[in-house]
Protein backbone atom coordinates (compact mmCIF):
# COMPACT_ATOMS: atom_id res chain seq x y z
CA MET A 1 10.12 -18.88 -9.42
CA TRP A 2 8.49 -19.90 -6.28
CA SER A 3 5.46 -22.20 -6.49
CA SER A 4 2.30 -21.08 -5.18
CA ARG A 5 2.39 -23.95 -2.59
CA ALA A 6 5.74 -23.07 -1.32
CA VAL A 7 4.72 -19.27 -0.96
CA LEU A 8 1.60 -20.51 0.91
CA LYS A 9 3.72 -22.38 3.50
CA ILE A 10 5.35 -19.21 4.46
CA ILE A 11 2.57 -17.01 4.02
CA VAL A 12 2.46 -15.60 7.32
CA TRP A 13 5.87 -14.20 7.47
CA LEU A 14 5.12 -12.62 3.88
CA ILE A 15 2.06 -11.00 5.25
CA SER A 16 4.18 -9.77 8.18
CA PHE A 17 6.45 -8.30 5.82
CA SER A 18 3.75 -6.82 3.59
CA ALA A 19 2.44 -5.17 6.88
CA GLY A 20 5.75 -3.49 7.56
CA ALA A 21 6.28 -2.30 4.24
CA PHE A 22 2.69 -0.66 4.06
CA LEU A 23 3.18 1.20 7.41
CA ALA A 24 6.86 2.26 6.43
CA VAL A 25 5.73 3.66 3.13
CA ALA A 26 2.76 5.41 4.84
CA PHE A 27 4.95 6.84 7.87
CA LEU A 28 8.25 7.37 6.39
CA ASP A 29 7.37 8.58 2.85
CA LEU A 30 3.96 9.76 1.98
CA LEU A 31 3.31 11.67 5.28
CA PRO A 32 6.61 13.22 5.71
CA GLU A 33 6.39 14.34 1.82
CA ALA A 34 2.76 15.67 2.35
CA VAL A 35 3.90 17.74 5.52
CA LYS A 36 6.71 19.03 3.75
CA MET A 37 4.68 20.29 0.89
CA VAL A 38 2.22 22.43 3.24
CA ALA A 39 2.98 25.53 5.56
CA GLU A 40 0.22 23.84 8.11
CA PRO A 41 0.39 20.24 8.51
CA HIS A 42 -2.95 19.90 10.42
CA TRP A 43 -5.06 19.55 7.20
CA VAL A 44 -2.51 16.93 6.37
CA PHE A 45 -3.23 14.39 9.34
CA ILE A 46 -6.87 15.15 8.82
CA ALA A 47 -6.49 13.90 5.13
CA ALA A 48 -4.86 10.93 6.27
CA LEU A 49 -7.61 10.10 8.77
CA VAL A 50 -10.38 10.57 5.92
CA GLY A 51 -8.42 8.27 3.79
CA PHE A 52 -8.34 5.75 6.89
CA SER A 53 -12.05 6.22 7.33
CA LEU A 54 -13.10 5.89 3.71
CA PHE A 55 -11.48 2.63 3.46
CA PHE A 56 -13.22 1.32 6.62
CA ALA A 57 -16.37 2.69 5.12
CA LEU A 58 -15.62 0.80 1.99
CA GLU A 59 -14.76 -2.43 3.60
CA ARG A 60 -17.97 -2.42 5.60
CA ILE A 61 -19.96 -2.02 2.40
CA LEU A 62 -17.71 -4.88 0.50
CA MET A 63 -18.64 -7.09 3.69
CA ARG A 64 -22.08 -6.48 3.20
CA HIS A 65 -22.44 -7.31 -0.23
CA PHE A 66 -20.08 -10.43 -0.49
CA PRO A 67 -21.50 -13.74 -0.26
CA LYS A 68 -20.92 -15.31 3.31
CA HIS A 69 -19.13 -18.56 3.70
CA ASP A 70 -19.76 -20.83 6.67
CA SER A 71 -16.22 -21.91 7.52
CA GLY A 72 -16.71 -22.36 11.19
CA ASN A 73 -14.16 -19.75 11.90
CA THR A 74 -16.46 -16.93 13.17
CA GLY A 75 -16.85 -14.83 10.06
CA HIS A 76 -12.92 -14.43 9.47
CA ALA A 77 -13.18 -15.46 5.70
CA GLU A 78 -15.95 -13.09 5.28
CA HIS A 79 -13.83 -10.38 6.55
CA THR A 80 -10.79 -11.18 4.30
CA GLU A 81 -12.74 -11.30 1.16
CA SER A 82 -12.71 -7.98 0.71
CA LEU A 83 -8.78 -7.54 1.16
CA PRO A 84 -7.83 -8.01 -2.30
CA LEU A 85 -9.96 -5.13 -3.79
CA LEU A 86 -8.85 -2.94 -0.89
CA VAL A 87 -5.19 -3.75 -1.75
CA VAL A 88 -5.61 -3.32 -5.25
CA LEU A 89 -7.69 0.00 -5.01
CA GLY A 90 -4.93 1.43 -2.56
CA ASP A 91 -1.97 0.42 -4.70
CA THR A 92 -3.59 1.83 -7.97
CA LEU A 93 -4.30 5.16 -6.07
CA HIS A 94 -0.74 5.12 -4.66
CA ASN A 95 0.71 4.37 -8.43
CA PHE A 96 -1.54 7.28 -9.56
CA LEU A 97 -0.14 9.89 -7.12
CA ASP A 98 3.69 8.63 -7.79
CA GLY A 99 3.11 9.45 -11.39
CA ALA A 100 1.55 12.93 -10.52
CA VAL A 101 4.66 13.53 -8.02
CA ILE A 102 7.36 12.48 -10.80
CA VAL A 103 5.82 14.68 -13.29
CA LEU A 104 5.73 17.82 -11.02
CA ALA A 105 9.25 17.20 -9.83
CA TYR A 106 10.28 16.71 -13.62
CA LEU A 107 8.78 20.18 -14.39
CA ALA A 108 10.35 21.98 -11.55
CA ASN A 109 13.72 20.60 -12.33
CA PRO A 110 14.41 17.47 -14.80
CA ALA A 111 17.31 15.77 -12.46
CA VAL A 112 15.08 16.11 -9.46
CA GLY A 113 12.17 14.45 -11.59
CA LEU A 114 14.55 11.31 -12.37
CA ALA A 115 15.86 11.24 -8.83
CA THR A 116 12.20 11.17 -7.82
CA ALA A 117 11.26 8.42 -10.41
CA PHE A 118 14.19 6.01 -8.92
CA ALA A 119 13.11 6.64 -5.44
CA ILE A 120 9.70 5.75 -6.03
CA ALA A 121 10.70 2.47 -7.96
CA ALA A 122 13.13 1.43 -5.18
CA HIS A 123 10.95 1.32 -2.46
CA GLU A 124 7.96 0.28 -4.31
CA ILE A 125 9.71 -3.43 -4.62
CA PRO A 126 9.02 -4.43 -0.99
CA GLN A 127 5.33 -3.34 -0.94
CA GLU A 128 4.90 -5.31 -4.34
CA ILE A 129 6.25 -8.28 -2.85
CA GLY A 130 3.77 -7.76 -0.06
CA ASP A 131 0.83 -7.30 -2.48
CA PHE A 132 1.85 -10.60 -4.19
CA ALA A 133 1.68 -12.59 -1.09
CA ILE A 134 -1.57 -11.31 -0.10
CA LEU A 135 -3.12 -11.90 -3.34
CA LEU A 136 -1.82 -15.28 -3.70
CA ASP A 137 -2.94 -16.08 -0.20
CA GLN A 138 -6.58 -15.06 -1.08
CA GLY A 139 -6.60 -17.67 -3.89
CA TRP A 140 -5.60 -15.59 -6.93
CA SER A 141 -3.33 -17.41 -9.38
CA LYS A 142 0.24 -16.04 -10.36
CA SER A 143 -0.81 -14.99 -13.78
CA LYS A 144 -3.92 -12.91 -12.47
CA ILE A 145 -1.74 -11.40 -9.84
CA ILE A 146 0.83 -10.36 -12.71
CA VAL A 147 -1.95 -8.92 -14.99
CA VAL A 148 -3.64 -7.05 -12.10
CA ASN A 149 -0.48 -5.47 -10.96
CA LEU A 150 0.18 -4.41 -14.46
CA LEU A 151 -3.00 -2.88 -14.77
CA SER A 152 -2.69 -1.04 -11.41
CA SER A 153 0.88 0.14 -12.59
CA LEU A 154 -0.66 1.66 -15.72
CA SER A 155 -2.31 4.25 -13.31
CA THR A 156 1.21 6.00 -12.89
CA ILE A 157 1.02 7.06 -16.58
CA VAL A 158 -2.41 8.14 -15.95
CA GLY A 159 -1.14 10.16 -13.01
CA VAL A 160 1.90 11.27 -15.20
CA LEU A 161 -0.59 12.80 -17.81
CA ALA A 162 -2.79 14.23 -15.11
CA GLY A 163 0.06 15.86 -13.44
CA TYR A 164 1.25 17.34 -16.79
CA TYR A 165 -2.15 18.71 -17.83
CA ALA A 166 -3.39 19.78 -14.43
CA ALA A 167 -0.32 20.73 -12.67
CA THR A 168 -1.83 23.63 -10.94
CA PHE A 169 -4.50 21.45 -9.34
CA PHE A 170 -2.20 19.00 -8.28
CA GLU A 171 0.31 21.28 -6.77
CA GLY A 172 -2.37 22.59 -4.51
CA TYR A 173 -4.01 19.35 -3.40
CA LEU A 174 -1.29 16.75 -3.96
CA ALA A 175 -0.09 17.10 -0.12
CA TYR A 176 -3.64 15.83 0.97
CA LEU A 177 -4.07 13.23 -1.71
CA LEU A 178 -0.69 11.76 -0.45
CA ALA A 179 -1.91 11.82 2.96
CA GLY A 180 -5.02 10.32 2.14
CA ALA A 181 -2.98 7.52 0.60
CA ALA A 182 -1.13 7.06 3.69
CA GLY A 183 -4.16 6.63 5.70
CA ILE A 184 -5.26 4.06 3.42
CA PHE A 185 -2.14 2.04 3.64
CA ILE A 186 -2.36 2.24 7.51
CA TYR A 187 -5.95 1.14 7.44
CA ILE A 188 -4.89 -1.86 5.23
CA ALA A 189 -2.22 -2.87 7.69
CA ALA A 190 -3.58 -2.12 10.69
CA SER A 191 -7.07 -3.44 10.01
CA ASP A 192 -6.75 -6.42 7.58
CA LEU A 193 -2.80 -7.58 7.77
CA ILE A 194 -2.01 -7.64 11.19
CA PRO A 195 -5.34 -9.22 12.35
CA GLU A 196 -4.64 -11.56 9.71
CA ILE A 197 -1.16 -12.49 11.30
CA HIS A 198 -2.68 -12.96 14.49
CA HIS A 199 -5.44 -15.14 13.32
CA ARG A 200 -2.85 -17.41 11.56
CA ALA A 201 -0.24 -17.50 13.65
CA GLY A 202 -2.15 -17.75 17.11
CA HIS A 203 0.48 -17.87 19.89
CA LYS A 204 3.13 -19.31 17.79
CA HIS A 205 6.15 -17.90 16.09
CA ALA A 206 5.81 -14.63 18.02
CA TYR A 207 9.65 -13.34 17.69
CA ARG A 208 10.12 -14.71 14.16
CA ILE A 209 6.85 -12.79 13.03
CA LEU A 210 8.43 -9.49 14.72
CA LEU A 211 11.62 -9.94 13.16
CA VAL A 212 10.46 -10.24 9.57
CA PHE A 213 7.92 -7.13 10.67
CA VAL A 214 10.93 -4.92 11.83
CA ALA A 215 13.12 -6.24 8.87
CA SER A 216 10.60 -4.97 6.63
CA LEU A 217 10.16 -1.65 8.13
CA ALA A 218 13.98 -1.38 8.35
CA LEU A 219 14.38 -2.31 4.51
CA THR A 220 11.60 -0.19 3.39
CA GLY A 221 12.62 2.67 5.51
CA TYR A 222 16.50 2.54 4.22
CA LEU A 223 15.40 2.43 0.54
CA ILE A 224 13.03 5.42 1.16
CA PHE A 225 16.21 7.37 2.99
CA LEU A 226 18.78 6.06 0.48
CA THR A 227 16.86 7.26 -2.31
CA HIS A 228 15.79 10.69 -0.89
């Protein structure tokens, strides 16, 4: 297993990978699935915008209440202090919705439900790698990250139960919830991860960072395509 020190040496590449994975899941999986569920997709994109805006508001509130550290880097540390909570909240919501999607697919057709569970598990892998890198970079220990990720994953079971006992509700609103989750992922990638890459790398490693970013998009997109 990688040591924390070894991971931190390549953290800018891992953050770039994470940004690509978040954007690929949002644009290639969540939004297309949401659009397919409704006759009129206009409100799907409004829901994505709402999810984006809610996390912008949440981060501003968190930054107001997090203690400031004068590190001489013009407030950059203050901005990133809220990132772990945003990542965990976004991932927990995503896992919850994944559980609801699995059970609704299973109720429609057990074979489809099994395929859906496999598809979700496959494209979770690159995203979880990205989550690990982000939280480790923010000073979390590996054991803490594992525990938090396990607890976050339990929201999938909550989603399964909610989807089973409230199938009618989720069938009506699932598309907009998925779109809202996509907006959250877009916000995390565009507002937190990509600026963090620029801050850490400066004018260096442009092509290598782009290569990792595009490779992450391609890998996550391929897994999504393969499992659909």
